């Protein structure tokens, strides 16, 4: 059996500009899990 090492994925914090939900996400196209909007911004 091969020994596979997984790197820890770094999530970023986002805020939905439509519903105000704050969440963590990964990837180029982040979608709000509450309202499925892609109108999100990275938050600090």
PDB file of N, CA and C in Angstrom:
ATOM      1  N   UNK A   1       0.849  -1.183   0.000  1.00  0.00           N
ATOM      2  CA  UNK A   1       0.000   0.000   0.000  1.00  0.00           C
ATOM      3  C   UNK A   1       0.891   1.242   0.000  1.00  0.00           C
ATOM      4  N   UNK A   2       0.578   2.199  -0.851  1.00  0.00           N
ATOM      5  CA  UNK A   2       1.373   3.418  -0.970  1.00  0.00           C
ATOM      6  C   UNK A   2       1.116   4.347   0.208  1.00  0.00           C
ATOM      7  N   UNK A   3       2.187   5.010   0.612  1.00  0.00           N
ATOM      8  CA  UNK A   3       2.073   5.997   1.691  1.00  0.00           C
ATOM      9  C   UNK A   3       1.809   7.356   1.055  1.00  0.00           C
ATOM     10  N   UNK A   4       0.600   7.854   1.212  1.00  0.00           N
ATOM     11  CA  UNK A   4       0.212   9.129   0.600  1.00  0.00           C
ATOM     12  C   UNK A   4       0.161  10.191   1.682  1.00  0.00           C
ATOM     13  N   UNK A   5       0.900  11.277   1.448  1.00  0.00           N
ATOM     14  CA  UNK A   5       0.883  12.386   2.399  1.00  0.00           C
ATOM     15  C   UNK A   5       0.015  13.493   1.835  1.00  0.00           C
ATOM     16  N   UNK A   6      -0.917  13.934   2.630  1.00  0.00           N
ATOM     17  CA  UNK A   6      -1.828  14.997   2.213  1.00  0.00           C
ATOM     18  C   UNK A   6      -1.368  16.305   2.839  1.00  0.00           C
ATOM     19  N   UNK A   7      -1.293  17.339   2.017  1.00  0.00           N
ATOM     20  CA  UNK A   7      -0.999  18.662   2.551  1.00  0.00           C
ATOM     21  C   UNK A   7      -2.286  19.256   3.090  1.00  0.00           C
ATOM     22  N   UNK A   8      -2.158  20.009   4.142  1.00  0.00           N
ATOM     23  CA  UNK A   8      -3.327  20.653   4.727  1.00  0.00           C
ATOM     24  C   UNK A   8      -3.754  21.806   3.824  1.00  0.00           C
ATOM     25  N   UNK A   9      -5.001  21.805   3.419  1.00  0.00           N
ATOM     26  CA  UNK A   9      -5.518  22.868   2.567  1.00  0.00           C
ATOM     27  C   UNK A   9      -5.804  24.101   3.409  1.00  0.00           C
ATOM     28  N   UNK A  10      -5.375  25.239   2.905  1.00  0.00           N
ATOM     29  CA  UNK A  10      -5.605  26.486   3.632  1.00  0.00           C
ATOM     30  C   UNK A  10      -6.902  27.113   3.150  1.00  0.00           C
ATOM     31  N   UNK A  11      -7.795  27.315   4.081  1.00  0.00           N
ATOM     32  CA  UNK A  11      -9.063  27.957   3.750  1.00  0.00           C
ATOM     33  C   UNK A  11      -8.936  29.459   3.959  1.00  0.00           C
ATOM     34  N   UNK A  12      -9.772  30.189   3.273  1.00  0.00           N
ATOM     35  CA  UNK A  12      -9.842  31.637   3.435  1.00  0.00           C
ATOM     36  C   UNK A  12     -11.224  31.983   3.961  1.00  0.00           C
ATOM     37  N   UNK A  13     -11.307  33.103   4.658  1.00  0.00           N
ATOM     38  CA  UNK A  13     -12.597  33.564   5.174  1.00  0.00           C
ATOM     39  C   UNK A  13     -13.262  34.444   4.126  1.00  0.00           C
ATOM     40  N   UNK A  14     -14.558  34.239   3.956  1.00  0.00           N
ATOM     41  CA  UNK A  14     -15.339  34.999   2.984  1.00  0.00           C
ATOM     42  C   UNK A  14     -16.606  35.516   3.630  1.00  0.00           C
ATOM     43  N   UNK A  15     -17.158  36.564   3.031  1.00  0.00           N
ATOM     44  CA  UNK A  15     -18.451  37.106   3.456  1.00  0.00           C
ATOM     45  C   UNK A  15     -19.309  37.287   2.216  1.00  0.00           C
ATOM     46  N   UNK A  16     -20.543  36.805   2.293  1.00  0.00           N
ATOM     47  CA  UNK A  16     -21.485  36.945   1.188  1.00  0.00           C
ATOM     48  C   UNK A  16     -22.045  38.364   1.196  1.00  0.00           C
ATOM     49  N   UNK A  17     -21.993  39.037   0.061  1.00  0.00           N
ATOM     50  CA  UNK A  17     -22.499  40.399  -0.044  1.00  0.00           C
ATOM     51  C   UNK A  17     -24.013  40.433  -0.228  1.00  0.00           C
ATOM     52  N   UNK A  18     -24.622  39.283  -0.499  1.00  0.00           N
ATOM     53  CA  UNK A  18     -26.077  39.222  -0.670  1.00  0.00           C
ATOM     54  C   UNK A  18     -26.802  38.932   0.643  1.00  0.00           C
ATOM     55  N   UNK A  19     -26.325  37.935   1.399  1.00  0.00           N
ATOM     56  CA  UNK A  19     -27.039  37.558   2.630  1.00  0.00           C
ATOM     57  C   UNK A  19     -26.246  37.848   3.905  1.00  0.00           C
ATOM     58  N   UNK A  20     -24.976  38.223   3.791  1.00  0.00           N
ATOM     59  CA  UNK A  20     -24.174  38.564   4.959  1.00  0.00           C
ATOM     60  C   UNK A  20     -23.530  37.382   5.669  1.00  0.00           C
ATOM     61  N   UNK A  21     -23.722  36.177   5.159  1.00  0.00           N
ATOM     62  CA  UNK A  21     -23.149  34.987   5.773  1.00  0.00           C
ATOM     63  C   UNK A  21     -21.624  35.040   5.719  1.00  0.00           C
ATOM     64  N   UNK A  22     -20.969  34.652   6.826  1.00  0.00           N
ATOM     65  CA  UNK A  22     -19.516  34.550   6.864  1.00  0.00           C
ATOM     66  C   UNK A  22     -19.154  33.078   6.924  1.00  0.00           C
ATOM     67  N   UNK A  23     -18.190  32.662   6.094  1.00  0.00           N
ATOM     68  CA  UNK A  23     -17.842  31.253   5.986  1.00  0.00           C
ATOM     69  C   UNK A  23     -16.421  31.105   5.484  1.00  0.00           C
ATOM     70  N   UNK A  24     -15.902  29.875   5.544  1.00  0.00           N
ATOM     71  CA  UNK A  24     -14.578  29.561   5.022  1.00  0.00           C
ATOM     72  C   UNK A  24     -14.747  28.835   3.700  1.00  0.00           C
ATOM     73  N   UNK A  25     -13.816  29.089   2.775  1.00  0.00           N
ATOM     74  CA  UNK A  25     -13.913  28.452   1.476  1.00  0.00           C
ATOM     75  C   UNK A  25     -12.551  28.212   0.857  1.00  0.00           C
ATOM     76  N   UNK A  26     -12.550  27.390  -0.185  1.00  0.00           N
ATOM     77  CA  UNK A  26     -11.343  27.048  -0.933  1.00  0.00           C
ATOM     78  C   UNK A  26     -11.680  27.105  -2.414  1.00  0.00           C
ATOM     79  N   UNK A  27     -10.742  27.569  -3.213  1.00  0.00           N
ATOM     80  CA  UNK A  27     -10.917  27.517  -4.654  1.00  0.00           C
ATOM     81  C   UNK A  27     -11.032  28.874  -5.297  1.00  0.00           C
ATOM     82  N   UNK A  28     -11.138  28.843  -6.616  1.00  0.00           N
ATOM     83  CA  UNK A  28     -11.216  30.082  -7.394  1.00  0.00           C
ATOM     84  C   UNK A  28     -12.631  30.636  -7.440  1.00  0.00           C
ATOM     85  N   UNK A  29     -13.616  29.772  -7.473  1.00  0.00           N
ATOM     86  CA  UNK A  29     -15.017  30.217  -7.538  1.00  0.00           C
ATOM     87  C   UNK A  29     -15.714  29.791  -6.259  1.00  0.00           C
ATOM     88  N   UNK A  30     -15.755  30.694  -5.304  1.00  0.00           N
ATOM     89  CA  UNK A  30     -16.350  30.404  -3.998  1.00  0.00           C
ATOM     90  C   UNK A  30     -17.819  30.803  -4.026  1.00  0.00           C
ATOM     91  N   UNK A  31     -18.673  29.922  -3.510  1.00  0.00           N
ATOM     92  CA  UNK A  31     -20.117  30.155  -3.490  1.00  0.00           C
ATOM     93  C   UNK A  31     -20.597  30.095  -2.044  1.00  0.00           C
ATOM     94  N   UNK A  32     -21.484  30.998  -1.684  1.00  0.00           N
ATOM     95  CA  UNK A  32     -22.045  31.033  -0.334  1.00  0.00           C
ATOM     96  C   UNK A  32     -22.843  29.753  -0.070  1.00  0.00           C
ATOM     97  N   UNK A  33     -22.556  29.065   1.036  1.00  0.00           N
ATOM     98  CA  UNK A  33     -23.302  27.841   1.338  1.00  0.00           C
ATOM     99  C   UNK A  33     -24.749  28.098   1.774  1.00  0.00           C
ATOM    100  N   UNK A  34     -25.066  29.321   2.176  1.00  0.00           N
ATOM    101  CA  UNK A  34     -26.430  29.622   2.624  1.00  0.00           C
ATOM    102  C   UNK A  34     -27.370  29.957   1.478  1.00  0.00           C
ATOM    103  N   UNK A  35     -26.910  30.832   0.558  1.00  0.00           N
ATOM    104  CA  UNK A  35     -27.821  31.287  -0.503  1.00  0.00           C
ATOM    105  C   UNK A  35     -27.330  30.945  -1.911  1.00  0.00           C
ATOM    106  N   UNK A  36     -26.203  30.275  -2.023  1.00  0.00           N
ATOM    107  CA  UNK A  36     -25.613  29.848  -3.292  1.00  0.00           C
ATOM    108  C   UNK A  36     -25.210  31.012  -4.206  1.00  0.00           C
ATOM    109  N   UNK A  37     -25.035  32.194  -3.655  1.00  0.00           N
ATOM    110  CA  UNK A  37     -24.594  33.350  -4.431  1.00  0.00           C
ATOM    111  C   UNK A  37     -23.078  33.298  -4.603  1.00  0.00           C
ATOM    112  N   UNK A  38     -22.597  33.782  -5.746  1.00  0.00           N
ATOM    113  CA  UNK A  38     -21.151  33.906  -5.931  1.00  0.00           C
ATOM    114  C   UNK A  38     -20.693  35.351  -5.712  1.00  0.00           C
ATOM    115  N   UNK A  39     -21.570  36.181  -5.162  1.00  0.00           N
ATOM    116  CA  UNK A  39     -21.267  37.575  -4.851  1.00  0.00           C
ATOM    117  C   UNK A  39     -20.636  37.628  -3.454  1.00  0.00           C
ATOM    118  N   UNK A  40     -19.384  37.157  -3.364  1.00  0.00           N
ATOM    119  CA  UNK A  40     -18.688  37.066  -2.085  1.00  0.00           C
ATOM    120  C   UNK A  40     -17.379  37.835  -2.144  1.00  0.00           C
ATOM    121  N   UNK A  41     -16.895  38.241  -0.966  1.00  0.00           N
ATOM    122  CA  UNK A  41     -15.600  38.902  -0.886  1.00  0.00           C
ATOM    123  C   UNK A  41     -14.782  38.245   0.209  1.00  0.00           C
ATOM    124  N   UNK A  42     -13.470  38.266   0.033  1.00  0.00           N
ATOM    125  CA  UNK A  42     -12.582  37.732   1.049  1.00  0.00           C
ATOM    126  C   UNK A  42     -12.580  38.687   2.232  1.00  0.00           C
ATOM    127  N   UNK A  43     -12.704  38.145   3.423  1.00  0.00           N
ATOM    128  CA  UNK A  43     -12.712  38.982   4.621  1.00  0.00           C
ATOM    129  C   UNK A  43     -11.493  38.656   5.469  1.00  0.00           C
ATOM    130  N   UNK A  44     -11.202  39.524   6.409  1.00  0.00           N
ATOM    131  CA  UNK A  44     -10.026  39.312   7.259  1.00  0.00           C
ATOM    132  C   UNK A  44     -10.393  38.748   8.608  1.00  0.00           C
TER     133      UNK A  44
END
